[in-house]
Amino acid sequence: MSAGKRSIVFCATQRTGSAVITDDLSNVCGAESFNSEMLYGELLRGDVRLPWDEVWKIAKARCKVRGYTVSKVMFHYVPYLATVIAGGTLDKTPPIYKFSPARCDAFHEFFRDSLWVHIHRQDIFSQAVSMYFAQMTKRWEIRPWREEDTAPREIPWIPYDRPRLMRLVHAFALENAGWESFFTHYGIEPIRVEYEDALGNYPTYLDEVLARMRVKQAKAPPRRMIKLGDATNLRYANALRRDVLDHPILRSMVA
């Protein structure tokens, strides 16, 4: 069994706007919002882990956009998806940042005929700060139709944690390299979507994806999700940029 050609895989790392981007696609295509990272939720996060065939049936039913099954995947758990697809079982699932064909072959084989879309954020420092703030506040996104997302809340002061932020930059740099190794090894030429372009050019940044889906774009409805982040994010990102560029190893990784 394979996903077939009516499948879209969004390849991302955390805090690249992937939730907004996948929701933009479903919104432009007239579909309801859904959890595009359902594979992670069903296979790696839940207490009850279903076999792959059952999870894929659920994904095909819930994550549909114009006949395409949409999956969003972070690189650091691709090997675990591959293990489940191959019929294996999982115990602990710490992040895996280095690409290995042996660990990824089953994942690629299942999704080999899919439309591959790579979501990337050029500003890795802002990405790391966004991740840090999300971890500290437990606020990952704002969906205006969910009361719990839009209800007023007091945001605590968050200290600038240099070691933790630099670890996040290191992890994201490794994941970015992992996706590039994955594409190169399997001869994939993904559609490239930049966070910075997606942020300011809705919905035109999706033109190539829609063209490949053979979807004729009508007038797009307003965007459904709201960007997080403020002046504090920017201030911390600038400080983190200086710290990373003063570190010889990290500097070479993000150059």
Protein backbone atom coordinates (compact mmCIF):
# COMPACT_ATOMS: atom_id res chain seq x y z
CA MET A 1 0.00 0.00 0.00
CA SER A 2 1.11 3.57 -0.64
CA ALA A 3 -0.37 7.04 -0.26
CA GLY A 4 -0.67 7.40 -4.04
CA LYS A 5 -0.68 10.60 -6.06
CA ARG A 6 -3.61 12.18 -4.22
CA SER A 7 -1.43 12.98 -1.24
CA ILE A 8 0.42 16.12 -0.12
CA VAL A 9 3.25 15.98 2.40
CA PHE A 10 4.23 19.26 4.04
CA CYS A 11 7.80 18.82 5.30
CA ALA A 12 8.54 21.26 8.10
CA THR A 13 10.24 22.04 11.36
CA GLN A 14 8.41 23.56 14.30
CA ARG A 15 7.54 27.28 14.26
CA THR A 16 7.85 27.66 10.50
CA GLY A 17 4.21 28.69 10.17
CA SER A 18 3.27 25.22 8.97
CA ALA A 19 -0.06 25.24 10.86
CA VAL A 20 -1.00 28.53 9.20
CA ILE A 21 0.16 27.34 5.77
CA THR A 22 -1.75 24.05 5.83
CA ASP A 23 -4.82 25.89 7.11
CA ASP A 24 -4.42 28.50 4.36
CA LEU A 25 -4.50 25.72 1.77
CA SER A 26 -7.66 24.17 3.16
CA ASN A 27 -9.24 27.61 3.54
CA VAL A 28 -8.50 28.68 -0.04
CA CYS A 29 -9.88 25.34 -1.26
CA GLY A 30 -13.08 25.71 0.73
CA ALA A 31 -12.31 22.98 3.25
CA GLU A 32 -12.84 22.99 7.00
CA SER A 33 -9.91 23.30 9.39
CA PHE A 34 -8.36 20.03 10.50
CA ASN A 35 -5.31 18.75 12.35
CA SER A 36 -2.76 18.40 9.56
CA GLU A 37 -0.26 16.85 11.99
CA MET A 38 -2.63 14.01 12.76
CA LEU A 39 -0.04 11.31 12.03
CA TYR A 40 2.07 12.58 14.92
CA GLY A 41 -0.94 12.84 17.20
CA GLU A 42 -2.23 9.36 16.51
CA LEU A 43 1.07 7.49 16.28
CA LEU A 44 3.46 9.20 18.67
CA ARG A 45 1.53 11.35 21.10
CA GLY A 46 -1.52 9.36 22.10
CA ASP A 47 -1.72 6.74 24.82
CA VAL A 48 -3.29 4.22 22.43
CA ARG A 49 -1.24 3.68 19.28
CA LEU A 50 -3.17 2.29 16.36
CA PRO A 51 -1.59 0.29 13.53
CA TRP A 52 -0.53 2.26 10.46
CA ASP A 53 -3.34 1.06 8.18
CA GLU A 54 -5.98 2.31 10.60
CA VAL A 55 -4.25 5.65 11.14
CA TRP A 56 -3.98 6.22 7.40
CA LYS A 57 -7.69 5.47 6.96
CA ILE A 58 -8.44 8.12 9.59
CA ALA A 59 -6.14 10.60 7.87
CA LYS A 60 -7.83 10.00 4.51
CA ALA A 61 -11.20 10.67 6.09
CA ARG A 62 -10.30 13.73 8.17
CA CYS A 63 -7.48 15.51 6.34
CA LYS A 64 -8.98 16.04 2.90
CA VAL A 65 -8.52 19.03 0.60
CA ARG A 66 -10.04 18.70 -2.87
CA GLY A 67 -9.51 14.95 -2.86
CA TYR A 68 -5.94 15.16 -1.52
CA THR A 69 -4.91 13.76 1.85
CA VAL A 70 -2.77 16.40 3.56
CA SER A 71 -0.08 15.39 6.04
CA LYS A 72 2.29 17.70 7.91
CA VAL A 73 5.49 16.09 9.17
CA MET A 74 8.46 17.33 11.20
CA PHE A 75 11.82 15.82 10.32
CA HIS A 76 12.74 14.79 13.86
CA TYR A 77 10.07 12.07 13.98
CA VAL A 78 10.16 10.80 10.38
CA PRO A 79 12.14 7.68 11.48
CA TYR A 80 9.36 6.80 13.92
CA LEU A 81 6.69 7.12 11.25
CA ALA A 82 8.84 4.88 9.06
CA THR A 83 9.07 2.30 11.84
CA VAL A 84 5.28 2.16 12.23
CA ILE A 85 4.70 2.08 8.48
CA ALA A 86 7.07 -0.92 8.28
CA GLY A 87 5.04 -2.70 10.97
CA GLY A 88 7.40 -2.08 13.87
CA THR A 89 6.56 -0.91 17.36
CA LEU A 90 7.76 2.14 19.26
CA ASP A 91 9.03 2.58 22.78
CA LYS A 92 10.75 5.87 23.47
CA THR A 93 10.74 8.52 20.76
CA PRO A 94 13.42 11.16 21.40
CA PRO A 95 14.00 13.58 18.50
CA ILE A 96 16.22 12.24 15.70
CA TYR A 97 18.02 15.00 13.83
CA LYS A 98 20.38 13.12 11.50
CA PHE A 99 19.17 11.67 8.19
CA SER A 100 19.69 7.96 7.63
CA PRO A 101 18.20 6.08 4.65
CA ALA A 102 17.71 2.96 6.75
CA ARG A 103 15.55 4.96 9.14
CA CYS A 104 13.55 6.78 6.46
CA ASP A 105 13.11 4.34 3.56
CA ALA A 106 9.70 3.04 4.64
CA PHE A 107 8.35 6.58 5.06
CA HIS A 108 9.57 7.62 1.62
CA GLU A 109 8.32 4.42 0.00
CA PHE A 110 4.80 4.95 1.34
CA PHE A 111 4.66 8.61 0.27
CA ARG A 112 6.82 8.27 -2.85
CA ASP A 113 4.15 9.51 -5.30
CA SER A 114 3.00 12.41 -3.12
CA LEU A 115 3.28 16.12 -3.81
CA TRP A 116 6.12 17.24 -1.56
CA VAL A 117 6.13 20.76 -0.10
CA HIS A 118 9.03 22.01 2.01
CA ILE A 119 8.24 24.79 4.50
CA HIS A 120 11.28 26.75 5.62
CA ARG A 121 11.89 29.81 7.79
CA GLN A 122 14.88 31.90 6.78
CA ASP A 123 15.20 33.59 10.17
CA ILE A 124 16.22 30.67 12.37
CA PHE A 125 16.74 33.01 15.34
CA SER A 126 13.12 34.19 15.30
CA GLN A 127 12.09 30.57 14.83
CA ALA A 128 13.97 29.51 17.95
CA VAL A 129 12.52 32.40 19.98
CA SER A 130 9.02 31.51 18.78
CA MET A 131 9.55 27.92 19.88
CA TYR A 132 10.90 29.01 23.26
CA PHE A 133 7.95 31.32 23.90
CA ALA A 134 5.47 28.64 22.83
CA GLN A 135 7.07 26.14 25.19
CA MET A 136 7.08 28.61 28.08
CA THR A 137 3.54 29.95 27.63
CA LYS A 138 1.92 26.75 26.26
CA ARG A 139 0.38 28.95 23.59
CA TRP A 140 1.18 27.46 20.20
CA GLU A 141 -1.28 29.21 17.89
CA ILE A 142 -4.37 31.39 17.76
CA ARG A 143 -7.47 30.10 16.00
CA PRO A 144 -10.09 32.87 16.29
CA TRP A 145 -12.99 30.41 16.28
CA ARG A 146 -11.70 28.70 19.44
CA GLU A 147 -12.63 30.58 22.60
CA GLU A 148 -9.71 29.15 24.57
CA ASP A 149 -7.26 30.65 22.03
CA THR A 150 -8.69 34.16 22.02
CA ALA A 151 -9.69 34.58 25.68
CA PRO A 152 -7.66 37.30 27.46
CA ARG A 153 -4.78 35.87 29.44
CA GLU A 154 -1.87 37.22 31.39
CA ILE A 155 1.43 36.46 29.70
CA PRO A 156 4.21 36.08 32.27
CA TRP A 157 7.57 37.72 31.84
CA ILE A 158 9.91 35.25 30.17
CA PRO A 159 13.66 35.53 30.78
CA TYR A 160 16.20 35.39 27.98
CA ASP A 161 17.58 31.87 28.41
CA ARG A 162 20.69 31.90 26.24
CA PRO A 163 21.72 28.20 26.57
CA ARG A 164 18.21 26.94 25.87
CA LEU A 165 17.73 29.25 22.89
CA MET A 166 21.08 28.24 21.41
CA ARG A 167 20.13 24.58 21.77
CA LEU A 168 16.96 25.30 19.80
CA VAL A 169 18.97 26.98 17.02
CA HIS A 170 21.26 23.96 16.91
CA ALA A 171 18.32 21.53 16.70
CA PHE A 172 16.59 23.51 13.94
CA ALA A 173 19.81 23.76 11.93
CA LEU A 174 20.21 19.97 12.15
CA GLU A 175 16.60 19.39 11.09
CA ASN A 176 16.95 21.74 8.13
CA ALA A 177 20.03 19.80 7.03
CA GLY A 178 18.12 16.55 7.58
CA TRP A 179 15.33 17.54 5.21
CA GLU A 180 17.83 18.61 2.56
CA SER A 181 19.64 15.27 2.85
CA PHE A 182 16.28 13.49 2.60
CA PHE A 183 15.33 15.32 -0.62
CA THR A 184 18.75 14.82 -2.17
CA HIS A 185 18.93 11.11 -1.34
CA TYR A 186 15.49 10.32 -2.78
CA GLY A 187 15.74 12.68 -5.75
CA ILE A 188 12.82 14.84 -4.59
CA GLU A 189 12.34 18.38 -5.89
CA PRO A 190 9.82 19.77 -3.42
CA ILE A 191 7.79 22.91 -3.85
CA ARG A 192 9.53 25.47 -1.64
CA VAL A 193 7.44 27.67 0.63
CA GLU A 194 9.17 30.31 2.75
CA TYR A 195 7.59 31.39 6.01
CA GLU A 196 8.46 35.02 5.31
CA ASP A 197 6.73 34.90 1.91
CA ALA A 198 3.69 33.08 3.28
CA LEU A 199 3.31 35.64 6.04
CA GLY A 200 2.88 38.61 3.72
CA ASN A 201 1.66 37.14 0.44
CA TYR A 202 -1.50 35.23 1.25
CA PRO A 203 -2.85 33.56 -0.83
CA THR A 204 -0.51 34.00 -3.84
CA TYR A 205 2.34 32.11 -2.17
CA LEU A 206 0.23 28.96 -2.66
CA ASP A 207 -0.05 29.40 -6.44
CA GLU A 208 2.40 26.59 -7.30
CA VAL A 209 0.79 24.15 -4.88
CA LEU A 210 -2.68 24.91 -6.26
CA ALA A 211 -1.45 24.60 -9.84
CA ARG A 212 0.00 21.16 -9.12
CA MET A 213 -3.32 20.18 -7.54
CA ARG A 214 -5.11 21.49 -10.66
CA VAL A 215 -7.21 23.77 -8.46
CA LYS A 216 -8.50 26.94 -10.04
CA GLN A 217 -8.22 29.61 -7.39
CA ALA A 218 -11.24 31.77 -6.73
CA LYS A 219 -11.27 34.83 -4.50
CA ALA A 220 -9.63 33.74 -1.25
CA PRO A 221 -11.49 34.14 2.03
CA PRO A 222 -9.80 35.97 4.91
CA ARG A 223 -7.01 34.08 6.64
CA ARG A 224 -8.31 32.00 9.54
CA MET A 225 -5.25 31.89 11.79
CA ILE A 226 -3.40 34.71 13.54
CA LYS A 227 0.37 35.07 13.85
CA LEU A 228 1.86 35.10 17.34
CA GLY A 229 4.84 37.25 18.31
CA ASP A 230 5.56 40.84 19.25
CA ALA A 231 8.37 43.28 19.91
CA THR A 232 9.77 41.06 22.66
CA ASN A 233 10.20 38.22 20.16
CA LEU A 234 12.13 40.53 17.87
CA ARG A 235 14.35 41.82 20.68
CA TYR A 236 15.20 38.30 21.83
CA ALA A 237 15.81 37.16 18.25
CA ASN A 238 18.31 39.98 17.71
CA ALA A 239 20.11 39.09 20.94
CA LEU A 240 20.16 35.41 19.96
CA ARG A 241 21.57 36.27 16.53
CA ARG A 242 24.50 38.06 18.16
CA ASP A 243 25.11 35.17 20.56
CA VAL A 244 25.03 32.52 17.84
CA LEU A 245 27.25 34.47 15.47
CA ASP A 246 29.79 34.78 18.29
CA HIS A 247 29.83 30.97 18.64
CA PRO A 248 32.18 29.42 16.04
CA ILE A 249 30.41 26.06 15.69
CA LEU A 250 26.84 27.35 15.62
CA ARG A 251 27.85 30.20 13.33
CA SER A 252 29.08 27.72 10.72
CA MET A 253 25.84 25.72 10.97
CA VAL A 254 23.51 28.65 10.33
CA ALA A 255 25.67 30.51 7.81
